[in-house]
């Protein structure tokens, strides 16, 4: 079994594989990384960096996705 780390995502505990990026997490919950805004440990993570930022034990993320409609 792969090593996992614990995070808080939108106020809920979550476990992800060690070495995952923010983009991996976003895609893993069924969202398009190009259509989300992410706060990572209190700082807005630029969308262009989501694949480059590795998650660490205890990170806190807030993920907001955009919904279109009329």
N, C-alpha and C. Protein backbone atom coordinates (compact mmCIF):
# COMPACT_ATOMS: atom_id res chain seq x y z
N UNK A 1 0.84 -1.18 0.00
CA UNK A 1 0.00 0.00 0.00
C UNK A 1 0.89 1.24 0.00
N UNK A 2 0.51 2.24 -0.77
CA UNK A 2 1.29 3.48 -0.86
C UNK A 2 1.14 4.30 0.42
N UNK A 3 2.17 5.04 0.75
CA UNK A 3 2.12 5.91 1.92
C UNK A 3 1.10 7.02 1.68
N UNK A 4 0.41 7.39 2.74
CA UNK A 4 -0.60 8.45 2.65
C UNK A 4 -0.30 9.54 3.66
N UNK A 5 -0.86 10.73 3.37
CA UNK A 5 -0.78 11.85 4.30
C UNK A 5 -2.20 12.32 4.59
N UNK A 6 -2.37 13.01 5.71
CA UNK A 6 -3.68 13.53 6.11
C UNK A 6 -3.75 15.02 5.84
N UNK A 7 -4.87 15.45 5.29
CA UNK A 7 -5.12 16.86 4.97
C UNK A 7 -6.50 17.25 5.48
N UNK A 8 -6.78 18.53 5.43
CA UNK A 8 -8.14 19.03 5.63
C UNK A 8 -8.52 19.72 4.32
N UNK A 9 -9.62 19.24 3.71
CA UNK A 9 -10.10 19.81 2.45
C UNK A 9 -11.53 20.29 2.67
N UNK A 10 -11.74 21.59 2.51
CA UNK A 10 -13.05 22.20 2.73
C UNK A 10 -13.63 21.79 4.09
N UNK A 11 -12.77 21.78 5.10
CA UNK A 11 -13.19 21.50 6.46
C UNK A 11 -13.33 20.04 6.83
N UNK A 12 -13.07 19.14 5.88
CA UNK A 12 -13.22 17.70 6.12
C UNK A 12 -11.86 17.00 6.05
N UNK A 13 -11.61 16.05 6.96
CA UNK A 13 -10.35 15.29 6.88
C UNK A 13 -10.33 14.43 5.61
N UNK A 14 -9.16 14.30 5.04
CA UNK A 14 -9.00 13.51 3.81
C UNK A 14 -7.59 12.94 3.80
N UNK A 15 -7.44 11.74 3.23
CA UNK A 15 -6.12 11.13 3.08
C UNK A 15 -5.82 11.03 1.60
N UNK A 16 -4.58 11.37 1.23
CA UNK A 16 -4.13 11.28 -0.16
C UNK A 16 -2.77 10.61 -0.20
N UNK A 17 -2.40 10.14 -1.36
CA UNK A 17 -1.10 9.49 -1.53
C UNK A 17 0.02 10.50 -1.30
N UNK A 18 1.05 10.04 -0.61
CA UNK A 18 2.25 10.86 -0.41
C UNK A 18 2.80 11.26 -1.78
N UNK A 19 3.17 12.51 -1.95
CA UNK A 19 3.72 13.00 -3.20
C UNK A 19 2.68 13.57 -4.15
N UNK A 20 1.40 13.57 -3.73
CA UNK A 20 0.35 14.13 -4.58
C UNK A 20 0.50 15.64 -4.68
N UNK A 21 0.11 16.17 -5.83
CA UNK A 21 0.08 17.62 -6.02
C UNK A 21 -1.35 18.11 -5.78
N UNK A 22 -1.50 19.43 -5.72
CA UNK A 22 -2.84 19.98 -5.59
C UNK A 22 -3.68 19.57 -6.81
N UNK A 23 -3.09 19.61 -8.00
CA UNK A 23 -3.82 19.21 -9.22
C UNK A 23 -4.27 17.76 -9.13
N UNK A 24 -3.44 16.88 -8.58
CA UNK A 24 -3.82 15.47 -8.40
C UNK A 24 -5.05 15.36 -7.49
N UNK A 25 -5.02 16.10 -6.39
CA UNK A 25 -6.13 16.08 -5.45
C UNK A 25 -7.41 16.58 -6.11
N UNK A 26 -7.32 17.70 -6.80
CA UNK A 26 -8.49 18.29 -7.45
C UNK A 26 -9.07 17.31 -8.47
N UNK A 27 -8.23 16.73 -9.30
CA UNK A 27 -8.69 15.76 -10.30
C UNK A 27 -9.27 14.52 -9.61
N UNK A 28 -8.68 14.12 -8.49
CA UNK A 28 -9.14 12.94 -7.77
C UNK A 28 -10.53 13.09 -7.16
N UNK A 29 -10.96 14.33 -6.94
CA UNK A 29 -12.31 14.54 -6.43
C UNK A 29 -13.28 14.91 -7.56
N UNK A 30 -12.80 14.73 -8.80
CA UNK A 30 -13.69 14.89 -9.95
C UNK A 30 -13.85 16.29 -10.48
N UNK A 31 -12.92 17.18 -10.13
CA UNK A 31 -12.99 18.55 -10.62
C UNK A 31 -11.88 18.82 -11.62
N UNK A 32 -12.11 19.77 -12.50
CA UNK A 32 -11.12 20.18 -13.49
C UNK A 32 -10.20 21.22 -12.86
N UNK A 33 -8.89 20.95 -12.75
CA UNK A 33 -7.98 21.93 -12.14
C UNK A 33 -8.00 23.29 -12.82
N UNK A 34 -8.47 23.37 -14.07
CA UNK A 34 -8.54 24.65 -14.78
C UNK A 34 -9.76 25.46 -14.37
N UNK A 35 -10.67 24.85 -13.60
CA UNK A 35 -11.93 25.52 -13.25
C UNK A 35 -12.14 25.62 -11.75
N UNK A 36 -11.04 25.72 -10.99
CA UNK A 36 -11.15 25.84 -9.54
C UNK A 36 -10.28 26.99 -9.03
N UNK A 37 -10.61 27.44 -7.85
CA UNK A 37 -9.74 28.34 -7.10
C UNK A 37 -9.37 27.57 -5.83
N UNK A 38 -8.08 27.61 -5.46
CA UNK A 38 -7.61 26.84 -4.32
C UNK A 38 -6.86 27.74 -3.35
N UNK A 39 -7.26 27.65 -2.08
CA UNK A 39 -6.52 28.28 -1.00
C UNK A 39 -5.74 27.16 -0.32
N UNK A 40 -4.42 27.32 -0.25
CA UNK A 40 -3.54 26.31 0.33
C UNK A 40 -2.85 26.92 1.54
N UNK A 41 -3.20 26.45 2.71
CA UNK A 41 -2.63 26.95 3.97
C UNK A 41 -2.76 28.47 4.08
N UNK A 42 -3.94 28.98 3.72
CA UNK A 42 -4.22 30.40 3.89
C UNK A 42 -3.78 31.29 2.75
N UNK A 43 -3.17 30.74 1.73
CA UNK A 43 -2.69 31.53 0.58
C UNK A 43 -3.35 31.01 -0.69
N UNK A 44 -3.77 31.92 -1.56
CA UNK A 44 -4.33 31.51 -2.85
C UNK A 44 -3.20 30.90 -3.68
N UNK A 45 -3.45 29.70 -4.19
CA UNK A 45 -2.47 29.02 -5.04
C UNK A 45 -2.77 29.39 -6.50
N UNK A 46 -1.84 30.01 -7.19
CA UNK A 46 -2.09 30.33 -8.60
C UNK A 46 -2.39 29.06 -9.39
N UNK A 47 -3.42 29.13 -10.23
CA UNK A 47 -3.84 27.96 -11.00
C UNK A 47 -2.68 27.37 -11.79
N UNK A 48 -1.78 28.21 -12.28
CA UNK A 48 -0.65 27.74 -13.09
C UNK A 48 0.34 26.89 -12.29
N UNK A 49 0.23 26.89 -10.96
CA UNK A 49 1.18 26.15 -10.13
C UNK A 49 0.59 24.90 -9.49
N UNK A 50 -0.69 24.61 -9.72
CA UNK A 50 -1.35 23.51 -9.00
C UNK A 50 -0.67 22.16 -9.21
N UNK A 51 -0.12 21.93 -10.39
CA UNK A 51 0.56 20.65 -10.66
C UNK A 51 1.94 20.61 -10.04
N UNK A 52 2.48 21.76 -9.66
CA UNK A 52 3.85 21.84 -9.13
C UNK A 52 3.92 21.83 -7.61
N UNK A 53 2.80 22.07 -6.94
CA UNK A 53 2.80 22.18 -5.48
C UNK A 53 2.47 20.82 -4.87
N UNK A 54 3.46 20.23 -4.18
CA UNK A 54 3.25 18.95 -3.50
C UNK A 54 2.57 19.17 -2.16
N UNK A 55 1.64 18.29 -1.85
CA UNK A 55 0.93 18.38 -0.58
C UNK A 55 1.76 17.76 0.54
N UNK A 56 1.59 18.30 1.74
CA UNK A 56 2.31 17.82 2.92
C UNK A 56 1.33 17.48 4.03
N UNK A 57 1.78 16.64 4.93
CA UNK A 57 0.97 16.26 6.10
C UNK A 57 0.44 17.51 6.79
N UNK A 58 -0.88 17.52 7.05
CA UNK A 58 -1.49 18.61 7.80
C UNK A 58 -1.89 19.83 6.98
N UNK A 59 -1.66 19.81 5.67
CA UNK A 59 -2.07 20.94 4.84
C UNK A 59 -3.57 21.16 4.96
N UNK A 60 -3.97 22.43 4.82
CA UNK A 60 -5.38 22.81 4.84
C UNK A 60 -5.70 23.48 3.52
N UNK A 61 -6.70 22.94 2.82
CA UNK A 61 -7.09 23.48 1.52
C UNK A 61 -8.57 23.81 1.49
N UNK A 62 -8.89 24.88 0.80
CA UNK A 62 -10.27 25.22 0.47
C UNK A 62 -10.32 25.25 -1.04
N UNK A 63 -11.24 24.48 -1.61
CA UNK A 63 -11.36 24.38 -3.06
C UNK A 63 -12.75 24.86 -3.45
N UNK A 64 -12.79 25.81 -4.37
CA UNK A 64 -14.04 26.35 -4.88
C UNK A 64 -14.06 26.11 -6.37
N UNK A 65 -15.16 25.53 -6.86
CA UNK A 65 -15.24 25.32 -8.30
C UNK A 65 -16.33 26.20 -8.89
N UNK A 66 -16.14 26.54 -10.13
CA UNK A 66 -17.03 27.44 -10.83
C UNK A 66 -18.17 26.67 -11.49
N UNK A 67 -19.36 27.20 -11.35
CA UNK A 67 -20.54 26.56 -11.93
C UNK A 67 -21.20 27.58 -12.85
N UNK A 68 -21.43 27.18 -14.08
CA UNK A 68 -22.10 28.07 -15.02
C UNK A 68 -23.60 27.81 -15.02
N UNK A 69 -24.31 28.71 -15.58
CA UNK A 69 -25.76 28.55 -15.67
C UNK A 69 -26.43 29.86 -15.97
N UNK A 70 -27.70 29.77 -16.12
CA UNK A 70 -28.40 30.99 -16.49
C UNK A 70 -29.72 31.11 -15.83
